[in-house]
């Protein structure tokens, strides 16, 4: 499995008890979608290694207590503080103006007047407010991802129409 074909689900944060259980802290706002996982991929030394789940139960704060099939204590030690991934094809399909960040890469952002702000190059979702990083005439443009600003998502033509503040584009295009 390649990392490009997966999405980050969360991180193994620590052991739980003495019987080889671990805590998986989920990075999702829909934890209920992960009630019955059969396996996960854990990044070890740059490779995604499959681990098969024997038992899982909910802890608190979107965390799962996992027990894996056929794992040694040494393997458990090796996966602490490692990122956990699932294949992209396991994500439920979204409709309307709802989207996953990876899905809109390369989409062009237009304002309500049809002015292009550029194409989405990346998304920073590590800040308190996620934002798109666009490329417009070889200049970087930053657009906050605010749900109420998103007016239409055209999957067929890879266009995202947003109600953007007047003058936002000028901030990035004016020479300083």
C-alpha atoms as a PDB file:
ATOM      1  CA  UNK A   1       0.000   0.000   0.000  1.00  0.00           C
ATOM      2  CA  UNK A   2       1.338   3.411  -0.965  1.00  0.00           C
ATOM      3  CA  UNK A   3       0.955   6.431   1.310  1.00  0.00           C
ATOM      4  CA  UNK A   4      -0.463   8.475  -1.617  1.00  0.00           C
ATOM      5  CA  UNK A   5      -3.378   6.004  -1.775  1.00  0.00           C
ATOM      6  CA  UNK A   6      -4.226   6.475   1.896  1.00  0.00           C
ATOM      7  CA  UNK A   7      -5.422   9.089   4.344  1.00  0.00           C
ATOM      8  CA  UNK A   8      -4.226   9.773   7.866  1.00  0.00           C
ATOM      9  CA  UNK A   9      -6.637   8.276  10.388  1.00  0.00           C
ATOM     10  CA  UNK A  10      -4.754   9.110  13.566  1.00  0.00           C
ATOM     11  CA  UNK A  11      -1.815   8.117  15.733  1.00  0.00           C
ATOM     12  CA  UNK A  12      -0.960   5.308  18.113  1.00  0.00           C
ATOM     13  CA  UNK A  13      -0.338   7.342  21.254  1.00  0.00           C
ATOM     14  CA  UNK A  14       0.562   4.780  23.915  1.00  0.00           C
ATOM     15  CA  UNK A  15       0.107   1.331  25.364  1.00  0.00           C
ATOM     16  CA  UNK A  16      -3.074   0.532  27.269  1.00  0.00           C
ATOM     17  CA  UNK A  17      -2.588  -1.922  30.108  1.00  0.00           C
ATOM     18  CA  UNK A  18      -0.198  -4.863  30.026  1.00  0.00           C
ATOM     19  CA  UNK A  19      -1.747  -7.174  27.428  1.00  0.00           C
ATOM     20  CA  UNK A  20      -0.472  -5.610  24.202  1.00  0.00           C
ATOM     21  CA  UNK A  21      -3.302  -3.118  23.756  1.00  0.00           C
ATOM     22  CA  UNK A  22      -2.665   0.348  22.324  1.00  0.00           C
ATOM     23  CA  UNK A  23      -4.559   3.631  22.143  1.00  0.00           C
ATOM     24  CA  UNK A  24      -5.357   4.947  18.668  1.00  0.00           C
ATOM     25  CA  UNK A  25      -6.222   8.659  18.801  1.00  0.00           C
ATOM     26  CA  UNK A  26      -8.454   9.357  15.799  1.00  0.00           C
ATOM     27  CA  UNK A  27      -8.102  12.553  13.795  1.00  0.00           C
ATOM     28  CA  UNK A  28     -11.714  12.765  12.617  1.00  0.00           C
ATOM     29  CA  UNK A  29     -14.944  14.547  13.371  1.00  0.00           C
ATOM     30  CA  UNK A  30     -16.920  11.371  12.571  1.00  0.00           C
ATOM     31  CA  UNK A  31     -15.452   8.674  14.842  1.00  0.00           C
ATOM     32  CA  UNK A  32     -18.585   6.520  14.556  1.00  0.00           C
ATOM     33  CA  UNK A  33     -17.489   5.555  11.019  1.00  0.00           C
ATOM     34  CA  UNK A  34     -14.661   3.522  12.533  1.00  0.00           C
ATOM     35  CA  UNK A  35     -16.657   1.175  14.764  1.00  0.00           C
ATOM     36  CA  UNK A  36     -15.731  -2.026  12.925  1.00  0.00           C
ATOM     37  CA  UNK A  37     -12.293  -1.862  11.376  1.00  0.00           C
ATOM     38  CA  UNK A  38     -10.610  -5.100  10.329  1.00  0.00           C
ATOM     39  CA  UNK A  39      -7.159  -3.665   9.726  1.00  0.00           C
ATOM     40  CA  UNK A  40      -5.106  -0.487   9.644  1.00  0.00           C
ATOM     41  CA  UNK A  41      -1.782   0.542   8.146  1.00  0.00           C
ATOM     42  CA  UNK A  42       0.924   1.894  10.442  1.00  0.00           C
ATOM     43  CA  UNK A  43       3.870   3.827   9.074  1.00  0.00           C
ATOM     44  CA  UNK A  44       7.097   2.176  10.180  1.00  0.00           C
ATOM     45  CA  UNK A  45      10.414   3.358   8.726  1.00  0.00           C
ATOM     46  CA  UNK A  46       8.611   5.024   5.805  1.00  0.00           C
ATOM     47  CA  UNK A  47       6.563   1.936   4.885  1.00  0.00           C
ATOM     48  CA  UNK A  48       2.892   1.246   5.535  1.00  0.00           C
ATOM     49  CA  UNK A  49       2.639  -2.033   7.411  1.00  0.00           C
ATOM     50  CA  UNK A  50      -0.750  -3.752   7.815  1.00  0.00           C
ATOM     51  CA  UNK A  51      -1.940  -4.660  11.309  1.00  0.00           C
ATOM     52  CA  UNK A  52      -5.033  -6.813  11.728  1.00  0.00           C
ATOM     53  CA  UNK A  53      -7.420  -5.939  14.538  1.00  0.00           C
ATOM     54  CA  UNK A  54      -8.587  -8.632  16.918  1.00  0.00           C
ATOM     55  CA  UNK A  55     -10.615  -6.384  19.248  1.00  0.00           C
ATOM     56  CA  UNK A  56     -11.456  -2.720  19.522  1.00  0.00           C
ATOM     57  CA  UNK A  57     -13.419  -0.659  21.997  1.00  0.00           C
ATOM     58  CA  UNK A  58     -13.938   3.020  22.568  1.00  0.00           C
ATOM     59  CA  UNK A  59     -12.007   4.922  25.164  1.00  0.00           C
ATOM     60  CA  UNK A  60     -12.683   8.637  25.522  1.00  0.00           C
ATOM     61  CA  UNK A  61     -11.897  11.621  23.259  1.00  0.00           C
ATOM     62  CA  UNK A  62     -12.299   9.776  19.932  1.00  0.00           C
ATOM     63  CA  UNK A  63      -9.746   7.182  21.000  1.00  0.00           C
ATOM     64  CA  UNK A  64      -9.899   3.452  20.375  1.00  0.00           C
ATOM     65  CA  UNK A  65      -8.302   0.722  22.436  1.00  0.00           C
ATOM     66  CA  UNK A  66      -6.974  -1.801  19.918  1.00  0.00           C
ATOM     67  CA  UNK A  67      -5.774  -5.371  20.269  1.00  0.00           C
ATOM     68  CA  UNK A  68      -3.957  -6.750  17.229  1.00  0.00           C
ATOM     69  CA  UNK A  69      -3.763 -10.319  15.975  1.00  0.00           C
ATOM     70  CA  UNK A  70      -0.365 -12.022  16.136  1.00  0.00           C
ATOM     71  CA  UNK A  71       1.767  -9.129  17.414  1.00  0.00           C
ATOM     72  CA  UNK A  72       4.742  -9.362  19.708  1.00  0.00           C
ATOM     73  CA  UNK A  73       5.696  -6.989  22.506  1.00  0.00           C
ATOM     74  CA  UNK A  74       8.579  -5.749  20.325  1.00  0.00           C
ATOM     75  CA  UNK A  75       6.146  -4.907  17.508  1.00  0.00           C
ATOM     76  CA  UNK A  76       3.895  -3.047  19.942  1.00  0.00           C
ATOM     77  CA  UNK A  77       6.890  -1.040  21.177  1.00  0.00           C
ATOM     78  CA  UNK A  78       7.769  -0.183  17.565  1.00  0.00           C
ATOM     79  CA  UNK A  79       4.336   1.308  16.732  1.00  0.00           C
ATOM     80  CA  UNK A  80       3.989   3.721  19.673  1.00  0.00           C
ATOM     81  CA  UNK A  81       3.796   7.349  18.402  1.00  0.00           C
ATOM     82  CA  UNK A  82       3.360   6.182  14.797  1.00  0.00           C
ATOM     83  CA  UNK A  83       0.827   7.477  12.269  1.00  0.00           C
ATOM     84  CA  UNK A  84      -2.088   5.256  11.225  1.00  0.00           C
ATOM     85  CA  UNK A  85      -3.578   5.201   7.719  1.00  0.00           C
ATOM     86  CA  UNK A  86      -6.514   3.710   5.843  1.00  0.00           C
ATOM     87  CA  UNK A  87      -6.987   3.401   2.052  1.00  0.00           C
ATOM     88  CA  UNK A  88      -8.720   6.349   0.363  1.00  0.00           C
ATOM     89  CA  UNK A  89     -11.340   4.009  -1.099  1.00  0.00           C
ATOM     90  CA  UNK A  90     -12.671   3.333   2.417  1.00  0.00           C
ATOM     91  CA  UNK A  91     -13.861   6.928   2.774  1.00  0.00           C
ATOM     92  CA  UNK A  92     -17.608   7.396   2.258  1.00  0.00           C
ATOM     93  CA  UNK A  93     -18.497   9.355  -0.887  1.00  0.00           C
ATOM     94  CA  UNK A  94     -19.491  12.954  -0.188  1.00  0.00           C
ATOM     95  CA  UNK A  95     -22.031  14.900  -2.196  1.00  0.00           C
ATOM     96  CA  UNK A  96     -23.088  18.506  -2.654  1.00  0.00           C
ATOM     97  CA  UNK A  97     -20.625  21.078  -1.335  1.00  0.00           C
ATOM     98  CA  UNK A  98     -19.019  18.610   1.087  1.00  0.00           C
ATOM     99  CA  UNK A  99     -15.524  17.421   0.202  1.00  0.00           C
ATOM    100  CA  UNK A 100     -12.344  15.906   1.526  1.00  0.00           C
ATOM    101  CA  UNK A 101      -9.261  18.091   1.282  1.00  0.00           C
ATOM    102  CA  UNK A 102      -7.399  15.543  -0.865  1.00  0.00           C
ATOM    103  CA  UNK A 103     -10.357  15.501  -3.262  1.00  0.00           C
ATOM    104  CA  UNK A 104     -10.096  19.195  -4.228  1.00  0.00           C
ATOM    105  CA  UNK A 105      -6.373  19.283  -4.985  1.00  0.00           C
ATOM    106  CA  UNK A 106      -5.947  20.937  -8.392  1.00  0.00           C
ATOM    107  CA  UNK A 107      -9.426  22.491  -8.311  1.00  0.00           C
ATOM    108  CA  UNK A 108      -9.705  26.085  -9.475  1.00  0.00           C
ATOM    109  CA  UNK A 109     -11.251  28.552  -7.030  1.00  0.00           C
ATOM    110  CA  UNK A 110     -13.549  31.173  -8.541  1.00  0.00           C
ATOM    111  CA  UNK A 111     -15.272  34.021  -6.733  1.00  0.00           C
ATOM    112  CA  UNK A 112     -18.949  34.844  -7.333  1.00  0.00           C
ATOM    113  CA  UNK A 113     -18.003  37.100 -10.278  1.00  0.00           C
ATOM    114  CA  UNK A 114     -16.091  34.240 -11.947  1.00  0.00           C
ATOM    115  CA  UNK A 115     -12.633  35.651 -11.183  1.00  0.00           C
ATOM    116  CA  UNK A 116     -10.032  32.925 -10.769  1.00  0.00           C
ATOM    117  CA  UNK A 117      -7.989  32.940  -7.588  1.00  0.00           C
ATOM    118  CA  UNK A 118      -5.866  30.041  -8.827  1.00  0.00           C
ATOM    119  CA  UNK A 119      -5.658  26.283  -8.417  1.00  0.00           C
ATOM    120  CA  UNK A 120      -5.416  24.528  -5.084  1.00  0.00           C
ATOM    121  CA  UNK A 121      -1.840  23.305  -4.592  1.00  0.00           C
ATOM    122  CA  UNK A 122      -2.164  22.173  -0.979  1.00  0.00           C
ATOM    123  CA  UNK A 123      -4.263  22.489   2.143  1.00  0.00           C
ATOM    124  CA  UNK A 124      -2.986  23.429   5.575  1.00  0.00           C
ATOM    125  CA  UNK A 125      -5.309  21.818   8.099  1.00  0.00           C
ATOM    126  CA  UNK A 126      -2.876  21.947  11.018  1.00  0.00           C
ATOM    127  CA  UNK A 127      -3.783  25.513  11.974  1.00  0.00           C
ATOM    128  CA  UNK A 128      -6.884  26.473  13.966  1.00  0.00           C
ATOM    129  CA  UNK A 129      -8.426  27.639  10.663  1.00  0.00           C
ATOM    130  CA  UNK A 130      -7.651  25.412   7.670  1.00  0.00           C
ATOM    131  CA  UNK A 131      -6.699  27.204   4.462  1.00  0.00           C
ATOM    132  CA  UNK A 132      -6.097  26.489   0.788  1.00  0.00           C
ATOM    133  CA  UNK A 133      -2.756  27.390  -0.740  1.00  0.00           C
ATOM    134  CA  UNK A 134      -3.322  28.377  -4.372  1.00  0.00           C
ATOM    135  CA  UNK A 135      -1.076  29.255  -7.266  1.00  0.00           C
ATOM    136  CA  UNK A 136      -2.166  32.330  -9.251  1.00  0.00           C
ATOM    137  CA  UNK A 137       0.193  33.697 -11.940  1.00  0.00           C
ATOM    138  CA  UNK A 138       3.102  32.002 -10.152  1.00  0.00           C
ATOM    139  CA  UNK A 139       2.232  33.718  -6.857  1.00  0.00           C
ATOM    140  CA  UNK A 140       1.022  31.977  -3.736  1.00  0.00           C
ATOM    141  CA  UNK A 141      -2.484  32.921  -2.569  1.00  0.00           C
ATOM    142  CA  UNK A 142      -3.960  31.813   0.764  1.00  0.00           C
ATOM    143  CA  UNK A 143      -7.735  31.361   1.087  1.00  0.00           C
ATOM    144  CA  UNK A 144      -9.335  30.327   4.396  1.00  0.00           C
ATOM    145  CA  UNK A 145     -11.586  27.279   4.246  1.00  0.00           C
ATOM    146  CA  UNK A 146     -14.809  28.672   5.708  1.00  0.00           C
ATOM    147  CA  UNK A 147     -17.901  26.555   5.114  1.00  0.00           C
ATOM    148  CA  UNK A 148     -20.243  29.542   4.656  1.00  0.00           C
ATOM    149  CA  UNK A 149     -17.950  30.925   1.911  1.00  0.00           C
ATOM    150  CA  UNK A 150     -18.269  27.742  -0.178  1.00  0.00           C
ATOM    151  CA  UNK A 151     -21.157  28.221  -2.590  1.00  0.00           C
ATOM    152  CA  UNK A 152     -20.755  25.494  -5.188  1.00  0.00           C
ATOM    153  CA  UNK A 153     -18.512  22.519  -5.823  1.00  0.00           C
ATOM    154  CA  UNK A 154     -18.400  21.383  -9.450  1.00  0.00           C
ATOM    155  CA  UNK A 155     -16.732  18.000  -9.379  1.00  0.00           C
ATOM    156  CA  UNK A 156     -17.093  17.450 -13.135  1.00  0.00           C
ATOM    157  CA  UNK A 157     -15.139  20.616 -14.055  1.00  0.00           C
ATOM    158  CA  UNK A 158     -12.939  20.741 -10.909  1.00  0.00           C
ATOM    159  CA  UNK A 159     -14.162  24.188  -9.850  1.00  0.00           C
ATOM    160  CA  UNK A 160     -14.908  25.488  -6.374  1.00  0.00           C
ATOM    161  CA  UNK A 161     -16.974  28.674  -6.238  1.00  0.00           C
ATOM    162  CA  UNK A 162     -16.556  30.750  -3.087  1.00  0.00           C
ATOM    163  CA  UNK A 163     -17.989  34.013  -1.779  1.00  0.00           C
ATOM    164  CA  UNK A 164     -14.642  35.661  -1.022  1.00  0.00           C
ATOM    165  CA  UNK A 165     -14.000  39.051   0.591  1.00  0.00           C
ATOM    166  CA  UNK A 166     -13.494  41.892  -1.850  1.00  0.00           C
ATOM    167  CA  UNK A 167      -9.811  42.703  -2.325  1.00  0.00           C
ATOM    168  CA  UNK A 168      -8.478  39.384  -1.001  1.00  0.00           C
ATOM    169  CA  UNK A 169      -6.748  38.532  -4.267  1.00  0.00           C
ATOM    170  CA  UNK A 170      -5.223  42.028  -4.542  1.00  0.00           C
ATOM    171  CA  UNK A 171      -3.373  41.506  -1.252  1.00  0.00           C
ATOM    172  CA  UNK A 172      -1.323  38.782  -2.901  1.00  0.00           C
ATOM    173  CA  UNK A 173      -0.946  40.250  -6.387  1.00  0.00           C
ATOM    174  CA  UNK A 174       0.237  43.758  -5.507  1.00  0.00           C
ATOM    175  CA  UNK A 175       4.013  44.221  -5.591  1.00  0.00           C
ATOM    176  CA  UNK A 176       5.452  45.225  -2.250  1.00  0.00           C
END
